[in-house]
Amino acid sequence: MKNPAKTRILVLDEQPMIRYGISVYLNSQPNMIVCGEADSIPDARSKISEYKPDLLLTALRLGIGDSLEFIKALKVQAPGLLILMYAAFTESIFAEWALRAGANGYLMKTAAKEELPTAIRAVLRGQIYVGRDLGMHTFQESSGTSEQDRVSGNLPVIDNLSARETHVFLLIGSGRDTKKVAHSLRLRAKTIETHCEKIKRKLGLNSGRQLVEHAIKFVDENSLLKRARSR
């Protein structure tokens, strides 16, 4: 009897040791094989074309080489490619954002390693996967969930912001000033300043300093890795 074909997985992460660890672990799983590794979005584009993976496992990256924008583009260029994203930010904040971009699942970097193949298998079955910490293992709805079915718990803090405004807010919370945010998003500093004014108005903030403090606090409270380091 012929052995079933293994699921071909491409791993995208800028850190070599993380790619190596993920690849070794997934290659030890039955019916899974890492067909390639990529350290950047341009590298991933090339290797997706070359290796024809069934699934892309990618870290969430903001700024230059925005992985959310990359996912949106991939869903147009390669609609059959499954995408599982992992990140340091809590699912209650970013799972929905990733799913709306086109990801098929979202997993925390702090999840037990056994959860990774579980998530991959769920996605291969056609399910939408979010981590166990959220309290629900899979979502049968697509990324177009209605407002009453939103999976986010803490998201109302930034719920009124547009996708671009949210992105700017998170980059500010990650320690970037206006010039660095503009560089990361390949926009003019004046454009970022306009976004900041809109963010302040929507969040009821009175100054740039308040915006920075609010953004940093938000990122600190919703990044599990940061919280783990502070303990």
Protein backbone atom coordinates (compact mmCIF):
# COMPACT_ATOMS: atom_id res chain seq x y z
CA MET A 1 0.00 0.00 0.00
CA LYS A 2 1.36 3.40 -0.98
CA ASN A 3 2.24 5.75 1.90
CA PRO A 4 0.14 8.94 2.02
CA ALA A 5 1.90 12.09 0.86
CA LYS A 6 3.30 14.26 3.61
CA THR A 7 2.00 17.78 4.17
CA ARG A 8 4.62 20.18 2.84
CA ILE A 9 5.28 23.11 5.20
CA LEU A 10 7.30 26.29 4.67
CA VAL A 11 8.53 28.00 7.85
CA LEU A 12 8.95 31.79 7.80
CA ASP A 13 10.78 33.39 10.72
CA GLU A 14 13.70 35.81 10.77
CA GLN A 15 15.39 33.97 13.66
CA PRO A 16 17.44 30.93 12.53
CA MET A 17 17.21 29.05 15.82
CA ILE A 18 13.43 29.31 15.90
CA ARG A 19 13.19 28.07 12.31
CA TYR A 20 15.53 25.20 13.12
CA GLY A 21 13.61 24.15 16.23
CA ILE A 22 10.26 24.25 14.47
CA SER A 23 11.62 22.35 11.46
CA VAL A 24 13.16 19.58 13.55
CA TYR A 25 9.96 19.15 15.54
CA LEU A 26 7.62 19.13 12.54
CA ASN A 27 9.86 16.74 10.62
CA SER A 28 9.47 14.30 13.52
CA GLN A 29 5.69 14.29 13.04
CA PRO A 30 4.01 11.63 10.90
CA ASN A 31 2.79 12.93 7.54
CA MET A 32 4.53 16.32 7.88
CA ILE A 33 7.70 17.61 6.27
CA VAL A 34 9.31 21.06 6.22
CA CYS A 35 10.05 21.60 2.55
CA GLY A 36 11.84 24.89 3.14
CA GLU A 37 12.69 27.76 5.45
CA ALA A 38 12.56 31.50 4.79
CA ASP A 39 14.00 34.41 6.76
CA SER A 40 12.08 37.23 5.09
CA ILE A 41 8.96 37.90 3.08
CA PRO A 42 10.83 38.22 -0.26
CA ASP A 43 12.58 34.92 0.53
CA ALA A 44 9.22 33.33 1.36
CA ARG A 45 7.68 34.54 -1.90
CA SER A 46 10.50 32.93 -3.84
CA LYS A 47 10.35 29.65 -1.95
CA ILE A 48 6.57 29.39 -2.10
CA SER A 49 6.90 29.59 -5.86
CA GLU A 50 9.78 27.11 -5.91
CA TYR A 51 8.69 24.53 -3.32
CA LYS A 52 4.88 24.70 -3.63
CA PRO A 53 4.12 24.11 0.07
CA ASP A 54 0.67 23.08 1.30
CA LEU A 55 0.95 25.31 4.36
CA LEU A 56 2.91 28.40 5.38
CA LEU A 57 3.82 28.68 9.06
CA THR A 58 4.75 32.30 9.69
CA ALA A 59 5.59 34.56 12.60
CA LEU A 60 3.55 37.73 13.04
CA ARG A 61 5.75 40.62 12.03
CA LEU A 62 4.85 44.31 12.04
CA GLY A 63 6.64 47.09 10.23
CA ILE A 64 8.89 46.52 7.23
CA GLY A 65 7.79 43.29 5.68
CA ASP A 66 4.38 43.40 7.34
CA SER A 67 3.21 39.77 7.49
CA LEU A 68 -0.48 40.75 7.63
CA GLU A 69 -0.21 42.59 4.33
CA PHE A 70 1.81 39.66 3.00
CA ILE A 71 -0.99 37.24 3.94
CA LYS A 72 -3.59 39.40 2.21
CA ALA A 73 -1.52 39.39 -0.98
CA LEU A 74 -0.85 35.64 -0.74
CA LYS A 75 -4.55 34.87 -0.52
CA VAL A 76 -4.97 36.52 -3.91
CA GLN A 77 -1.87 35.03 -5.50
CA ALA A 78 -2.12 31.53 -4.00
CA PRO A 79 -5.66 31.05 -2.67
CA GLY A 80 -5.09 27.34 -2.03
CA LEU A 81 -2.16 27.92 0.32
CA LEU A 82 -3.04 27.39 3.99
CA ILE A 83 -1.53 29.85 6.47
CA LEU A 84 -0.93 29.39 10.19
CA MET A 85 0.42 32.38 12.09
CA TYR A 86 2.15 32.41 15.47
CA ALA A 87 2.98 35.41 17.62
CA ALA A 88 3.82 36.73 21.07
CA PHE A 89 0.61 38.73 21.29
CA THR A 90 -2.47 37.33 23.03
CA GLU A 91 -5.10 35.72 20.83
CA SER A 92 -7.83 37.91 22.32
CA ILE A 93 -6.20 40.89 20.64
CA PHE A 94 -4.71 39.65 17.41
CA ALA A 95 -6.36 36.36 16.42
CA GLU A 96 -9.23 38.11 14.69
CA TRP A 97 -6.88 40.53 12.97
CA ALA A 98 -4.84 37.64 11.58
CA LEU A 99 -7.94 35.74 10.48
CA ARG A 100 -9.38 38.78 8.75
CA ALA A 101 -6.10 39.18 6.87
CA GLY A 102 -6.61 35.66 5.54
CA ALA A 103 -4.79 33.36 7.98
CA ASN A 104 -6.37 29.98 8.65
CA GLY A 105 -5.17 29.89 12.23
CA TYR A 106 -3.37 31.74 15.01
CA LEU A 107 -1.16 30.25 17.71
CA MET A 108 0.75 31.74 20.64
CA LYS A 109 4.53 31.41 20.77
CA THR A 110 4.07 30.37 24.39
CA ALA A 111 1.85 27.41 23.49
CA ALA A 112 3.01 23.89 24.28
CA LYS A 113 4.89 22.40 21.34
CA GLU A 114 2.25 19.65 21.02
CA GLU A 115 -0.28 22.31 20.08
CA LEU A 116 1.55 23.16 16.85
CA PRO A 117 0.82 19.87 14.98
CA THR A 118 -2.69 19.94 16.46
CA ALA A 119 -3.22 23.39 14.94
CA ILE A 120 -1.77 22.29 11.59
CA ARG A 121 -4.05 19.25 11.44
CA ALA A 122 -7.08 21.37 12.28
CA VAL A 123 -6.24 23.80 9.49
CA LEU A 124 -5.72 20.91 7.07
CA ARG A 125 -9.23 19.69 7.94
CA GLY A 126 -10.58 23.04 6.83
CA GLN A 127 -11.06 24.48 10.31
CA ILE A 128 -10.05 27.90 11.57
CA TYR A 129 -7.76 27.41 14.57
CA VAL A 130 -7.04 29.64 17.52
CA GLY A 131 -5.02 28.65 20.57
CA ARG A 132 -6.34 26.91 23.63
CA ASP A 133 -5.77 29.96 25.81
CA LEU A 134 -8.74 31.62 24.14
CA GLY A 135 -11.05 28.89 25.40
CA MET A 136 -12.16 27.65 21.98
CA HIS A 137 -9.96 25.39 19.85
CA THR A 138 -11.47 26.01 16.49
CA PHE A 139 -13.76 28.46 14.74
CA GLN A 140 -15.92 27.06 11.99
CA GLU A 141 -16.66 30.56 10.72
CA SER A 142 -14.31 32.22 8.27
CA SER A 143 -12.50 35.47 8.90
CA GLY A 144 -15.68 37.31 7.94
CA THR A 145 -17.32 36.72 11.33
CA SER A 146 -20.08 39.10 12.32
CA GLU A 147 -19.65 41.69 15.04
CA GLN A 148 -21.55 39.65 17.63
CA ASP A 149 -19.31 36.65 16.90
CA ARG A 150 -16.04 38.53 17.29
CA VAL A 151 -13.47 36.47 19.15
CA SER A 152 -11.70 39.38 20.77
CA GLY A 153 -11.94 40.06 24.46
CA ASN A 154 -9.68 43.09 25.02
CA LEU A 155 -9.95 44.47 21.50
CA PRO A 156 -12.47 47.26 22.37
CA VAL A 157 -9.48 49.31 23.61
CA ILE A 158 -8.55 49.78 19.95
CA ASP A 159 -11.76 48.57 18.35
CA ASN A 160 -12.64 51.94 16.82
CA LEU A 161 -9.31 52.24 15.04
CA SER A 162 -8.89 51.37 11.39
CA ALA A 163 -6.43 48.63 10.41
CA ARG A 164 -3.77 51.22 9.52
CA GLU A 165 -4.37 53.21 12.72
CA THR A 166 -4.11 50.01 14.76
CA HIS A 167 -0.84 49.20 13.03
CA VAL A 168 0.56 52.65 13.82
CA PHE A 169 -0.64 52.35 17.42
CA LEU A 170 1.11 48.99 17.88
CA LEU A 171 4.36 50.22 16.36
CA ILE A 172 4.31 53.21 18.72
CA GLY A 173 3.66 50.81 21.58
CA SER A 174 6.67 48.79 20.48
CA GLY A 175 8.92 51.80 21.06
CA ARG A 176 9.09 53.42 17.62
CA ASP A 177 8.89 57.19 17.20
CA THR A 178 7.06 58.86 14.30
CA LYS A 179 10.04 58.72 11.94
CA LYS A 180 10.66 55.04 12.63
CA VAL A 181 6.97 54.20 12.22
CA ALA A 182 6.98 56.04 8.89
CA HIS A 183 10.07 54.10 7.80
CA SER A 184 8.55 50.79 8.89
CA LEU A 185 5.34 51.40 6.95
CA ARG A 186 7.06 53.16 4.04
CA LEU A 187 4.91 56.24 4.56
CA ARG A 188 5.70 59.92 5.04
CA ALA A 189 6.15 61.18 8.59
CA LYS A 190 3.34 63.67 7.94
CA THR A 191 0.99 60.80 7.13
CA ILE A 192 1.88 59.08 10.41
CA GLU A 193 1.25 62.32 12.28
CA THR A 194 -2.21 62.48 10.71
CA HIS A 195 -2.90 58.91 11.82
CA CYS A 196 -1.73 59.78 15.33
CA GLU A 197 -4.15 62.71 15.51
CA LYS A 198 -7.02 60.42 14.51
CA ILE A 199 -5.95 57.80 17.05
CA LYS A 200 -5.82 60.40 19.84
CA ARG A 201 -9.28 61.66 18.95
CA LYS A 202 -10.80 58.15 18.81
CA LEU A 203 -9.19 57.07 22.09
CA GLY A 204 -9.91 60.33 23.91
CA LEU A 205 -6.24 61.21 24.40
CA ASN A 206 -5.03 64.80 24.74
CA SER A 207 -1.38 64.66 23.78
CA GLY A 208 1.30 62.76 21.95
CA ARG A 209 2.79 61.76 25.28
CA GLN A 210 -0.50 60.22 26.37
CA LEU A 211 -0.68 58.34 23.09
CA VAL A 212 2.81 56.88 23.58
CA GLU A 213 2.08 55.90 27.19
CA HIS A 214 -1.26 54.35 26.24
CA ALA A 215 0.25 52.41 23.33
CA ILE A 216 3.19 51.10 25.37
CA LYS A 217 0.88 49.99 28.17
CA PHE A 218 -1.41 48.26 25.70
CA VAL A 219 1.43 46.34 24.05
CA ASP A 220 2.95 45.42 27.43
CA GLU A 221 -0.36 44.10 28.73
CA ASN A 222 -1.11 42.07 25.64
CA SER A 223 2.25 40.51 24.88
CA LEU A 224 2.62 37.29 26.84
CA LEU A 225 6.34 37.15 26.20
CA LYS A 226 6.84 40.60 27.68
CA ARG A 227 4.79 39.65 30.70
CA ALA A 228 6.77 36.46 31.14
CA ARG A 229 10.06 38.38 31.05
CA SER A 230 8.81 40.83 33.68
CA ARG A 231 8.05 38.12 36.23
